[in-house]
PDB file of N, CA and C in Angstrom:
ATOM      1  N   UNK A   1      79.282  69.715 131.906  1.00  0.00           N
ATOM      2  CA  UNK A   1      80.157  68.447 132.172  1.00  0.00           C
ATOM      3  C   UNK A   1      80.602  68.456 133.438  1.00  0.00           C
ATOM      4  N   UNK A   2      81.284  67.816 133.670  1.00  0.00           N
ATOM      5  CA  UNK A   2      81.864  67.776 135.425  1.00  0.00           C
ATOM      6  C   UNK A   2      82.760  68.373 135.916  1.00  0.00           C
ATOM      7  N   UNK A   3      83.842  68.777 135.389  1.00  0.00           N
ATOM      8  CA  UNK A   3      85.030  69.718 135.521  1.00  0.00           C
ATOM      9  C   UNK A   3      85.583  70.639 135.033  1.00  0.00           C
ATOM     10  N   UNK A   4      86.427  71.629 134.850  1.00  0.00           N
ATOM     11  CA  UNK A   4      86.862  72.602 134.389  1.00  0.00           C
ATOM     12  C   UNK A   4      87.581  72.050 133.378  1.00  0.00           C
ATOM     13  N   UNK A   5      87.415  72.810 132.049  1.00  0.00           N
ATOM     14  CA  UNK A   5      88.039  71.762 131.040  1.00  0.00           C
ATOM     15  C   UNK A   5      87.610  70.496 130.333  1.00  0.00           C
ATOM     16  N   UNK A   6      86.692  70.529 130.837  1.00  0.00           N
ATOM     17  CA  UNK A   6      85.928  69.492 130.002  1.00  0.00           C
ATOM     18  C   UNK A   6      85.012  69.661 129.085  1.00  0.00           C
ATOM     19  N   UNK A   7      85.060  69.338 127.291  1.00  0.00           N
ATOM     20  CA  UNK A   7      84.337  70.179 126.824  1.00  0.00           C
ATOM     21  C   UNK A   7      83.992  69.319 125.804  1.00  0.00           C
ATOM     22  N   UNK A   8      83.127  69.690 124.648  1.00  0.00           N
ATOM     23  CA  UNK A   8      82.823  68.762 123.283  1.00  0.00           C
ATOM     24  C   UNK A   8      82.378  67.773 123.742  1.00  0.00           C
ATOM     25  N   UNK A   9      81.537  67.527 124.412  1.00  0.00           N
ATOM     26  CA  UNK A   9      80.927  66.078 124.610  1.00  0.00           C
ATOM     27  C   UNK A   9      79.347  66.007 123.692  1.00  0.00           C
ATOM     28  N   UNK A  10      79.677  64.785 123.512  1.00  0.00           N
ATOM     29  CA  UNK A  10      77.876  63.931 123.212  1.00  0.00           C
ATOM     30  C   UNK A  10      77.407  62.819 124.090  1.00  0.00           C
ATOM     31  N   UNK A  11      76.460  62.897 123.918  1.00  0.00           N
ATOM     32  CA  UNK A  11      75.368  62.032 124.493  1.00  0.00           C
ATOM     33  C   UNK A  11      75.136  60.996 123.823  1.00  0.00           C
ATOM     34  N   UNK A  12      75.216  59.595 124.358  1.00  0.00           N
ATOM     35  CA  UNK A  12      74.383  58.554 123.438  1.00  0.00           C
ATOM     36  C   UNK A  12      73.898  58.024 124.779  1.00  0.00           C
ATOM     37  N   UNK A  13      72.556  57.307 124.190  1.00  0.00           N
ATOM     38  CA  UNK A  13      71.837  56.302 125.210  1.00  0.00           C
ATOM     39  C   UNK A  13      71.896  54.648 124.652  1.00  0.00           C
ATOM     40  N   UNK A  14      71.952  53.622 126.081  1.00  0.00           N
ATOM     41  CA  UNK A  14      72.455  52.235 125.530  1.00  0.00           C
ATOM     42  C   UNK A  14      70.667  51.759 125.795  1.00  0.00           C
ATOM     43  N   UNK A  15      70.225  50.957 125.174  1.00  0.00           N
ATOM     44  CA  UNK A  15      69.097  50.079 125.146  1.00  0.00           C
ATOM     45  C   UNK A  15      68.290  49.894 126.821  1.00  0.00           C
ATOM     46  N   UNK A  16      69.485  49.659 127.606  1.00  0.00           N
ATOM     47  CA  UNK A  16      69.221  50.076 129.386  1.00  0.00           C
ATOM     48  C   UNK A  16      68.670  50.928 129.807  1.00  0.00           C
ATOM     49  N   UNK A  17      68.737  52.036 129.053  1.00  0.00           N
ATOM     50  CA  UNK A  17      68.732  53.545 129.303  1.00  0.00           C
ATOM     51  C   UNK A  17      69.528  54.522 129.703  1.00  0.00           C
ATOM     52  N   UNK A  18      70.620  53.933 129.875  1.00  0.00           N
ATOM     53  CA  UNK A  18      71.997  54.612 130.508  1.00  0.00           C
ATOM     54  C   UNK A  18      72.332  55.349 129.228  1.00  0.00           C
ATOM     55  N   UNK A  19      72.636  56.943 129.953  1.00  0.00           N
ATOM     56  CA  UNK A  19      73.350  57.820 129.177  1.00  0.00           C
ATOM     57  C   UNK A  19      74.627  57.526 129.249  1.00  0.00           C
ATOM     58  N   UNK A  20      75.540  57.686 128.328  1.00  0.00           N
ATOM     59  CA  UNK A  20      76.913  57.708 128.183  1.00  0.00           C
ATOM     60  C   UNK A  20      77.419  58.845 127.826  1.00  0.00           C
ATOM     61  N   UNK A  21      78.302  59.865 128.022  1.00  0.00           N
ATOM     62  CA  UNK A  21      78.714  61.317 127.675  1.00  0.00           C
ATOM     63  C   UNK A  21      80.155  61.314 127.266  1.00  0.00           C
ATOM     64  N   UNK A  22      80.472  61.332 126.301  1.00  0.00           N
ATOM     65  CA  UNK A  22      82.004  61.011 125.556  1.00  0.00           C
ATOM     66  C   UNK A  22      82.325  62.378 125.247  1.00  0.00           C
ATOM     67  N   UNK A  23      83.571  63.318 125.905  1.00  0.00           N
ATOM     68  CA  UNK A  23      84.070  64.266 125.862  1.00  0.00           C
ATOM     69  C   UNK A  23      85.641  64.237 126.158  1.00  0.00           C
ATOM     70  N   UNK A  24      86.013  65.705 125.273  1.00  0.00           N
ATOM     71  CA  UNK A  24      87.280  65.645 125.863  1.00  0.00           C
ATOM     72  C   UNK A  24      87.552  66.321 127.410  1.00  0.00           C
ATOM     73  N   UNK A  25      89.070  65.909 127.950  1.00  0.00           N
ATOM     74  CA  UNK A  25      89.055  66.514 129.183  1.00  0.00           C
ATOM     75  C   UNK A  25      90.473  67.237 128.992  1.00  0.00           C
ATOM     76  N   UNK A  26      90.484  68.727 128.694  1.00  0.00           N
ATOM     77  CA  UNK A  26      91.273  68.992 128.161  1.00  0.00           C
ATOM     78  C   UNK A  26      92.671  69.714 128.950  1.00  0.00           C
ATOM     79  N   UNK A  27      92.522  69.226 130.552  1.00  0.00           N
ATOM     80  CA  UNK A  27      93.869  70.021 131.416  1.00  0.00           C
ATOM     81  C   UNK A  27      93.862  68.852 132.458  1.00  0.00           C
ATOM     82  N   UNK A  28      94.963  68.749 132.666  1.00  0.00           N
ATOM     83  CA  UNK A  28      96.336  69.595 132.071  1.00  0.00           C
ATOM     84  C   UNK A  28      96.654  69.357 130.691  1.00  0.00           C
ATOM     85  N   UNK A  29      96.700  69.891 129.864  1.00  0.00           N
ATOM     86  CA  UNK A  29      96.911  70.026 128.232  1.00  0.00           C
ATOM     87  C   UNK A  29      97.843  68.919 127.929  1.00  0.00           C
ATOM     88  N   UNK A  30      98.971  68.545 128.611  1.00  0.00           N
ATOM     89  CA  UNK A  30      99.973  68.034 128.225  1.00  0.00           C
ATOM     90  C   UNK A  30      99.388  66.464 128.680  1.00  0.00           C
ATOM     91  N   UNK A  31      98.247  66.364 129.306  1.00  0.00           N
ATOM     92  CA  UNK A  31      97.891  64.765 129.596  1.00  0.00           C
ATOM     93  C   UNK A  31      96.233  64.857 128.612  1.00  0.00           C
ATOM     94  N   UNK A  32      95.879  65.786 127.960  1.00  0.00           N
ATOM     95  CA  UNK A  32      94.619  65.741 127.743  1.00  0.00           C
ATOM     96  C   UNK A  32      94.160  64.220 127.474  1.00  0.00           C
ATOM     97  N   UNK A  33      92.388  64.278 127.176  1.00  0.00           N
ATOM     98  CA  UNK A  33      92.437  62.587 126.713  1.00  0.00           C
ATOM     99  C   UNK A  33      91.338  62.731 126.341  1.00  0.00           C
ATOM    100  N   UNK A  34      90.335  61.669 125.732  1.00  0.00           N
ATOM    101  CA  UNK A  34      89.105  62.021 125.152  1.00  0.00           C
ATOM    102  C   UNK A  34      88.503  60.904 126.747  1.00  0.00           C
ATOM    103  N   UNK A  35      87.282  60.863 127.331  1.00  0.00           N
ATOM    104  CA  UNK A  35      86.712  60.047 128.486  1.00  0.00           C
ATOM    105  C   UNK A  35      85.253  60.242 128.257  1.00  0.00           C
ATOM    106  N   UNK A  36      84.383  59.038 129.041  1.00  0.00           N
ATOM    107  CA  UNK A  36      83.527  58.807 129.111  1.00  0.00           C
ATOM    108  C   UNK A  36      82.963  59.103 130.449  1.00  0.00           C
ATOM    109  N   UNK A  37      81.954  59.410 130.621  1.00  0.00           N
ATOM    110  CA  UNK A  37      80.838  59.300 131.970  1.00  0.00           C
ATOM    111  C   UNK A  37      79.674  58.381 131.685  1.00  0.00           C
ATOM    112  N   UNK A  38      78.898  57.770 132.672  1.00  0.00           N
ATOM    113  CA  UNK A  38      77.789  57.407 132.579  1.00  0.00           C
ATOM    114  C   UNK A  38      76.927  57.821 133.564  1.00  0.00           C
ATOM    115  N   UNK A  39      75.576  58.121 133.191  1.00  0.00           N
ATOM    116  CA  UNK A  39      74.340  58.416 134.181  1.00  0.00           C
ATOM    117  C   UNK A  39      73.271  57.143 133.878  1.00  0.00           C
ATOM    118  N   UNK A  40      73.263  56.866 135.290  1.00  0.00           N
ATOM    119  CA  UNK A  40      72.102  56.014 135.555  1.00  0.00           C
ATOM    120  C   UNK A  40      70.118  56.620 135.600  1.00  0.00           C
ATOM    121  N   UNK A  41      70.521  57.885 135.561  1.00  0.00           N
ATOM    122  CA  UNK A  41      69.058  58.284 135.827  1.00  0.00           C
ATOM    123  C   UNK A  41      68.778  59.512 134.859  1.00  0.00           C
ATOM    124  N   UNK A  42      68.927  59.365 133.679  1.00  0.00           N
ATOM    125  CA  UNK A  42      68.688  60.194 132.338  1.00  0.00           C
ATOM    126  C   UNK A  42      69.265  61.189 132.713  1.00  0.00           C
ATOM    127  N   UNK A  43      70.323  61.698 132.981  1.00  0.00           N
ATOM    128  CA  UNK A  43      71.272  62.391 132.955  1.00  0.00           C
ATOM    129  C   UNK A  43      71.153  63.291 134.345  1.00  0.00           C
ATOM    130  N   UNK A  44      70.352  63.201 135.190  1.00  0.00           N
ATOM    131  CA  UNK A  44      70.603  64.160 136.495  1.00  0.00           C
ATOM    132  C   UNK A  44      71.712  63.811 137.315  1.00  0.00           C
ATOM    133  N   UNK A  45      72.120  62.730 137.535  1.00  0.00           N
ATOM    134  CA  UNK A  45      73.628  62.697 137.947  1.00  0.00           C
ATOM    135  C   UNK A  45      74.844  61.949 137.035  1.00  0.00           C
ATOM    136  N   UNK A  46      75.818  62.027 136.975  1.00  0.00           N
ATOM    137  CA  UNK A  46      76.849  61.269 136.559  1.00  0.00           C
ATOM    138  C   UNK A  46      77.769  60.551 137.403  1.00  0.00           C
ATOM    139  N   UNK A  47      78.074  59.468 137.084  1.00  0.00           N
ATOM    140  CA  UNK A  47      79.100  58.510 137.838  1.00  0.00           C
ATOM    141  C   UNK A  47      80.374  59.485 137.822  1.00  0.00           C
ATOM    142  N   UNK A  48      81.109  59.059 138.913  1.00  0.00           N
ATOM    143  CA  UNK A  48      82.364  59.539 139.312  1.00  0.00           C
ATOM    144  C   UNK A  48      83.455  59.230 138.240  1.00  0.00           C
ATOM    145  N   UNK A  49      83.272  57.873 138.158  1.00  0.00           N
ATOM    146  CA  UNK A  49      84.310  56.744 137.327  1.00  0.00           C
ATOM    147  C   UNK A  49      84.618  57.484 135.809  1.00  0.00           C
ATOM    148  N   UNK A  50      85.487  57.779 135.182  1.00  0.00           N
ATOM    149  CA  UNK A  50      86.168  58.258 133.911  1.00  0.00           C
ATOM    150  C   UNK A  50      86.609  57.183 133.276  1.00  0.00           C
ATOM    151  N   UNK A  51      85.949  56.695 132.149  1.00  0.00           N
ATOM    152  CA  UNK A  51      86.774  55.670 131.127  1.00  0.00           C
ATOM    153  C   UNK A  51      87.364  56.381 129.954  1.00  0.00           C
ATOM    154  N   UNK A  52      88.812  56.138 130.387  1.00  0.00           N
ATOM    155  CA  UNK A  52      89.376  56.890 129.642  1.00  0.00           C
ATOM    156  C   UNK A  52      89.636  55.743 127.940  1.00  0.00           C
ATOM    157  N   UNK A  53      89.372  56.544 126.777  1.00  0.00           N
ATOM    158  CA  UNK A  53      89.659  56.067 125.591  1.00  0.00           C
ATOM    159  C   UNK A  53      90.253  56.743 124.637  1.00  0.00           C
ATOM    160  N   UNK A  54      90.823  57.593 124.757  1.00  0.00           N
ATOM    161  CA  UNK A  54      92.015  58.171 124.089  1.00  0.00           C
ATOM    162  C   UNK A  54      92.787  59.407 124.711  1.00  0.00           C
ATOM    163  N   UNK A  55      94.127  59.334 124.211  1.00  0.00           N
ATOM    164  CA  UNK A  55      94.507  60.456 124.708  1.00  0.00           C
ATOM    165  C   UNK A  55      94.470  61.913 123.705  1.00  0.00           C
ATOM    166  N   UNK A  56      95.113  63.002 124.043  1.00  0.00           N
ATOM    167  CA  UNK A  56      94.582  64.196 123.121  1.00  0.00           C
ATOM    168  C   UNK A  56      93.197  64.955 123.023  1.00  0.00           C
ATOM    169  N   UNK A  57      93.128  65.634 122.565  1.00  0.00           N
ATOM    170  CA  UNK A  57      92.047  66.898 122.056  1.00  0.00           C
ATOM    171  C   UNK A  57      91.236  66.167 121.085  1.00  0.00           C
ATOM    172  N   UNK A  58      90.217  65.971 120.853  1.00  0.00           N
ATOM    173  CA  UNK A  58      89.386  65.829 119.594  1.00  0.00           C
ATOM    174  C   UNK A  58      88.198  65.827 119.043  1.00  0.00           C
ATOM    175  N   UNK A  59      87.365  66.156 120.036  1.00  0.00           N
ATOM    176  CA  UNK A  59      85.950  66.527 119.205  1.00  0.00           C
ATOM    177  C   UNK A  59      85.248  65.105 119.098  1.00  0.00           C
ATOM    178  N   UNK A  60      85.330  64.289 120.014  1.00  0.00           N
ATOM    179  CA  UNK A  60      84.581  62.946 119.788  1.00  0.00           C
ATOM    180  C   UNK A  60      83.311  62.951 119.261  1.00  0.00           C
ATOM    181  N   UNK A  61      83.227  61.593 118.562  1.00  0.00           N
ATOM    182  CA  UNK A  61      81.973  61.670 118.034  1.00  0.00           C
ATOM    183  C   UNK A  61      81.424  60.118 118.467  1.00  0.00           C
ATOM    184  N   UNK A  62      79.943  59.857 118.750  1.00  0.00           N
ATOM    185  CA  UNK A  62      79.841  58.079 119.169  1.00  0.00           C
ATOM    186  C   UNK A  62      78.439  57.702 118.622  1.00  0.00           C
ATOM    187  N   UNK A  63      78.344  56.559 118.394  1.00  0.00           N
ATOM    188  CA  UNK A  63      77.077  55.960 117.851  1.00  0.00           C
ATOM    189  C   UNK A  63      77.071  54.648 118.645  1.00  0.00           C
ATOM    190  N   UNK A  64      75.973  53.894 118.758  1.00  0.00           N
ATOM    191  CA  UNK A  64      74.924  53.002 119.875  1.00  0.00           C
ATOM    192  C   UNK A  64      74.636  52.050 118.531  1.00  0.00           C
ATOM    193  N   UNK A  65      75.495  51.041 118.533  1.00  0.00           N
ATOM    194  CA  UNK A  65      75.097  49.539 117.526  1.00  0.00           C
ATOM    195  C   UNK A  65      73.845  48.684 118.137  1.00  0.00           C
ATOM    196  N   UNK A  66      73.398  48.135 117.446  1.00  0.00           N
ATOM    197  CA  UNK A  66      72.232  47.138 118.311  1.00  0.00           C
ATOM    198  C   UNK A  66      72.655  46.685 119.345  1.00  0.00           C
ATOM    199  N   UNK A  67      73.788  46.066 119.168  1.00  0.00           N
ATOM    200  CA  UNK A  67      74.131  45.281 120.857  1.00  0.00           C
ATOM    201  C   UNK A  67      74.622  46.251 122.097  1.00  0.00           C
ATOM    202  N   UNK A  68      74.647  47.319 121.674  1.00  0.00           N
ATOM    203  CA  UNK A  68      74.911  48.388 122.936  1.00  0.00           C
ATOM    204  C   UNK A  68      76.706  48.500 122.512  1.00  0.00           C
ATOM    205  N   UNK A  69      77.386  47.711 121.507  1.00  0.00           N
ATOM    206  CA  UNK A  69      78.614  48.065 121.343  1.00  0.00           C
ATOM    207  C   UNK A  69      78.436  49.863 120.753  1.00  0.00           C
ATOM    208  N   UNK A  70      79.757  50.470 121.482  1.00  0.00           N
ATOM    209  CA  UNK A  70      79.926  52.311 121.611  1.00  0.00           C
ATOM    210  C   UNK A  70      80.820  52.348 120.248  1.00  0.00           C
ATOM    211  N   UNK A  71      80.733  53.196 119.170  1.00  0.00           N
ATOM    212  CA  UNK A  71      81.610  53.210 118.566  1.00  0.00           C
ATOM    213  C   UNK A  71      81.765  54.922 118.338  1.00  0.00           C
ATOM    214  N   UNK A  72      83.052  55.191 119.122  1.00  0.00           N
ATOM    215  CA  UNK A  72      83.684  56.664 119.154  1.00  0.00           C
ATOM    216  C   UNK A  72      84.987  56.780 118.230  1.00  0.00           C
ATOM    217  N   UNK A  73      84.893  57.442 117.473  1.00  0.00           N
ATOM    218  CA  UNK A  73      85.743  58.764 116.554  1.00  0.00           C
ATOM    219  C   UNK A  73      86.233  59.393 117.394  1.00  0.00           C
ATOM    220  N   UNK A  74      87.548  59.376 117.352  1.00  0.00           N
ATOM    221  CA  UNK A  74      88.158  60.865 117.890  1.00  0.00           C
ATOM    222  C   UNK A  74      89.840  60.750 117.444  1.00  0.00           C
ATOM    223  N   UNK A  75      90.562  62.053 117.642  1.00  0.00           N
ATOM    224  CA  UNK A  75      91.350  62.154 117.445  1.00  0.00           C
ATOM    225  C   UNK A  75      92.452  61.872 118.657  1.00  0.00           C
ATOM    226  N   UNK A  76      93.422  61.314 118.212  1.00  0.00           N
ATOM    227  CA  UNK A  76      94.569  60.783 119.597  1.00  0.00           C
ATOM    228  C   UNK A  76      96.002  61.132 118.948  1.00  0.00           C
ATOM    229  N   UNK A  77      96.911  61.298 120.168  1.00  0.00           N
ATOM    230  CA  UNK A  77      98.161  61.899 120.125  1.00  0.00           C
ATOM    231  C   UNK A  77      98.889  60.511 120.745  1.00  0.00           C
ATOM    232  N   UNK A  78     100.191  60.811 120.633  1.00  0.00           N
ATOM    233  CA  UNK A  78     101.303  59.609 121.160  1.00  0.00           C
ATOM    234  C   UNK A  78     102.128  59.790 122.447  1.00  0.00           C
ATOM    235  N   UNK A  79     102.172  59.088 123.070  1.00  0.00           N
ATOM    236  CA  UNK A  79     102.877  59.405 124.170  1.00  0.00           C
ATOM    237  C   UNK A  79     104.497  59.637 124.040  1.00  0.00           C
ATOM    238  N   UNK A  80     105.049  60.617 124.974  1.00  0.00           N
ATOM    239  CA  UNK A  80     106.575  60.820 125.282  1.00  0.00           C
ATOM    240  C   UNK A  80     106.989  59.261 126.419  1.00  0.00           C
ATOM    241  N   UNK A  81     108.252  59.510 126.365  1.00  0.00           N
ATOM    242  CA  UNK A  81     108.702  58.626 127.127  1.00  0.00           C
ATOM    243  C   UNK A  81     108.351  58.962 128.831  1.00  0.00           C
ATOM    244  N   UNK A  82     107.952  60.042 129.310  1.00  0.00           N
ATOM    245  CA  UNK A  82     107.010  60.158 130.674  1.00  0.00           C
ATOM    246  C   UNK A  82     105.563  60.164 130.401  1.00  0.00           C
ATOM    247  N   UNK A  83     105.123  59.722 129.683  1.00  0.00           N
ATOM    248  CA  UNK A  83     104.022  59.256 129.520  1.00  0.00           C
ATOM    249  C   UNK A  83     102.945  60.577 129.319  1.00  0.00           C
ATOM    250  N   UNK A  84     103.340  61.714 128.816  1.00  0.00           N
ATOM    251  CA  UNK A  84     102.569  62.759 128.437  1.00  0.00           C
ATOM    252  C   UNK A  84     102.880  62.824 127.198  1.00  0.00           C
ATOM    253  N   UNK A  85     101.576  63.494 126.883  1.00  0.00           N
ATOM    254  CA  UNK A  85     101.744  63.708 125.056  1.00  0.00           C
ATOM    255  C   UNK A  85     102.552  64.402 124.708  1.00  0.00           C
ATOM    256  N   UNK A  86     102.695  63.836 123.248  1.00  0.00           N
ATOM    257  CA  UNK A  86     104.771  64.568 122.482  1.00  0.00           C
ATOM    258  C   UNK A  86     103.787  65.876 122.058  1.00  0.00           C
ATOM    259  N   UNK A  87     104.663  66.678 121.934  1.00  0.00           N
ATOM    260  CA  UNK A  87     104.228  68.053 121.904  1.00  0.00           C
ATOM    261  C   UNK A  87     104.145  68.379 120.210  1.00  0.00           C
ATOM    262  N   UNK A  88     104.822  67.327 119.216  1.00  0.00           N
ATOM    263  CA  UNK A  88     104.483  67.907 118.151  1.00  0.00           C
ATOM    264  C   UNK A  88     103.208  67.319 117.373  1.00  0.00           C
ATOM    265  N   UNK A  89     102.730  68.459 115.969  1.00  0.00           N
ATOM    266  CA  UNK A  89     101.722  68.276 115.654  1.00  0.00           C
ATOM    267  C   UNK A  89     101.406  67.219 115.078  1.00  0.00           C
ATOM    268  N   UNK A  90     102.562  66.783 114.435  1.00  0.00           N
ATOM    269  CA  UNK A  90     102.811  65.300 113.422  1.00  0.00           C
ATOM    270  C   UNK A  90     102.405  64.249 114.153  1.00  0.00           C
ATOM    271  N   UNK A  91     102.650  64.407 115.304  1.00  0.00           N
ATOM    272  CA  UNK A  91     102.102  62.661 116.192  1.00  0.00           C
ATOM    273  C   UNK A  91     100.532  62.761 116.419  1.00  0.00           C
ATOM    274  N   UNK A  92      99.848  63.193 115.948  1.00  0.00           N
ATOM    275  CA  UNK A  92      98.485  63.056 116.028  1.00  0.00           C
ATOM    276  C   UNK A  92      97.803  62.148 114.886  1.00  0.00           C
ATOM    277  N   UNK A  93      96.907  61.436 114.753  1.00  0.00           N
ATOM    278  CA  UNK A  93      95.964  60.392 113.962  1.00  0.00           C
ATOM    279  C   UNK A  93      94.418  60.286 114.456  1.00  0.00           C
ATOM    280  N   UNK A  94      94.221  59.909 113.822  1.00  0.00           N
ATOM    281  CA  UNK A  94      92.133  59.377 113.974  1.00  0.00           C
ATOM    282  C   UNK A  94      92.087  58.138 114.578  1.00  0.00           C
ATOM    283  N   UNK A  95      91.189  57.979 115.347  1.00  0.00           N
ATOM    284  CA  UNK A  95      91.233  56.132 115.970  1.00  0.00           C
ATOM    285  C   UNK A  95      89.765  56.068 116.043  1.00  0.00           C
ATOM    286  N   UNK A  96      89.298  54.990 115.423  1.00  0.00           N
ATOM    287  CA  UNK A  96      87.614  54.381 115.990  1.00  0.00           C
ATOM    288  C   UNK A  96      88.092  53.647 116.841  1.00  0.00           C
ATOM    289  N   UNK A  97      87.356  53.834 118.221  1.00  0.00           N
ATOM    290  CA  UNK A  97      87.355  52.747 119.475  1.00  0.00           C
ATOM    291  C   UNK A  97      86.182  52.299 119.378  1.00  0.00           C
ATOM    292  N   UNK A  98      86.019  50.650 119.435  1.00  0.00           N
ATOM    293  CA  UNK A  98      84.844  50.253 120.013  1.00  0.00           C
ATOM    294  C   UNK A  98      84.747  49.853 121.200  1.00  0.00           C
ATOM    295  N   UNK A  99      83.703  49.812 121.732  1.00  0.00           N
ATOM    296  CA  UNK A  99      83.951  49.397 123.249  1.00  0.00           C
ATOM    297  C   UNK A  99      82.509  49.381 123.988  1.00  0.00           C
ATOM    298  N   UNK A 100      82.514  48.646 125.145  1.00  0.00           N
ATOM    299  CA  UNK A 100      80.922  48.381 125.555  1.00  0.00           C
ATOM    300  C   UNK A 100      81.153  48.373 127.306  1.00  0.00           C
ATOM    301  N   UNK A 101      80.037  48.922 127.718  1.00  0.00           N
ATOM    302  CA  UNK A 101      80.319  49.072 129.054  1.00  0.00           C
ATOM    303  C   UNK A 101      79.462  47.562 129.767  1.00  0.00           C
ATOM    304  N   UNK A 102      79.775  47.142 130.767  1.00  0.00           N
ATOM    305  CA  UNK A 102      79.183  45.829 131.585  1.00  0.00           C
ATOM    306  C   UNK A 102      77.525  46.244 131.654  1.00  0.00           C
ATOM    307  N   UNK A 103      76.665  45.292 131.841  1.00  0.00           N
ATOM    308  CA  UNK A 103      75.240  45.538 131.898  1.00  0.00           C
ATOM    309  C   UNK A 103      75.711  45.662 133.838  1.00  0.00           C
ATOM    310  N   UNK A 104      76.484  45.243 134.441  1.00  0.00           N
ATOM    311  CA  UNK A 104      76.038  45.183 135.536  1.00  0.00           C
ATOM    312  C   UNK A 104      76.707  46.286 136.315  1.00  0.00           C
ATOM    313  N   UNK A 105      77.469  47.135 135.618  1.00  0.00           N
ATOM    314  CA  UNK A 105      78.159  48.544 136.142  1.00  0.00           C
ATOM    315  C   UNK A 105      76.808  49.154 137.046  1.00  0.00           C
ATOM    316  N   UNK A 106      77.491  49.030 138.360  1.00  0.00           N
ATOM    317  CA  UNK A 106      76.369  50.344 139.415  1.00  0.00           C
ATOM    318  C   UNK A 106      77.177  51.524 139.530  1.00  0.00           C
ATOM    319  N   UNK A 107      76.488  52.612 139.839  1.00  0.00           N
ATOM    320  CA  UNK A 107      76.824  53.924 140.114  1.00  0.00           C
ATOM    321  C   UNK A 107      77.934  53.867 140.914  1.00  0.00           C
ATOM    322  N   UNK A 108      78.905  54.748 141.449  1.00  0.00           N
ATOM    323  CA  UNK A 108      79.568  54.729 142.216  1.00  0.00           C
ATOM    324  C   UNK A 108      79.462  55.880 143.218  1.00  0.00           C
ATOM    325  N   UNK A 109      79.399  56.277 144.234  1.00  0.00           N
ATOM    326  CA  UNK A 109      79.126  57.360 145.284  1.00  0.00           C
ATOM    327  C   UNK A 109      79.868  58.439 144.735  1.00  0.00           C
TER     328      UNK A 109
END
């Protein structure tokens, strides 16, 4: 993982060899989210950009389809008026997120 509080990761590989790590970012807790990072070199280094997929802590799981579409299933939370995760446990649900990285994405410094 890249930072303290990043946990529950799973790595999938695209047809061009890029690795995609989908994981929880747990802190600050009221802003927890599911994010993805990309490696262009087999996992030796990871792009600093984080791709936001969902709000909340979730134990995400992903698969890659034949066309390199990634399907991530994660729990997600609702936001309050201030843009933070709502505190009620009744405001959580699951989501299936279909997403795709651009083929021309280059590593960030």
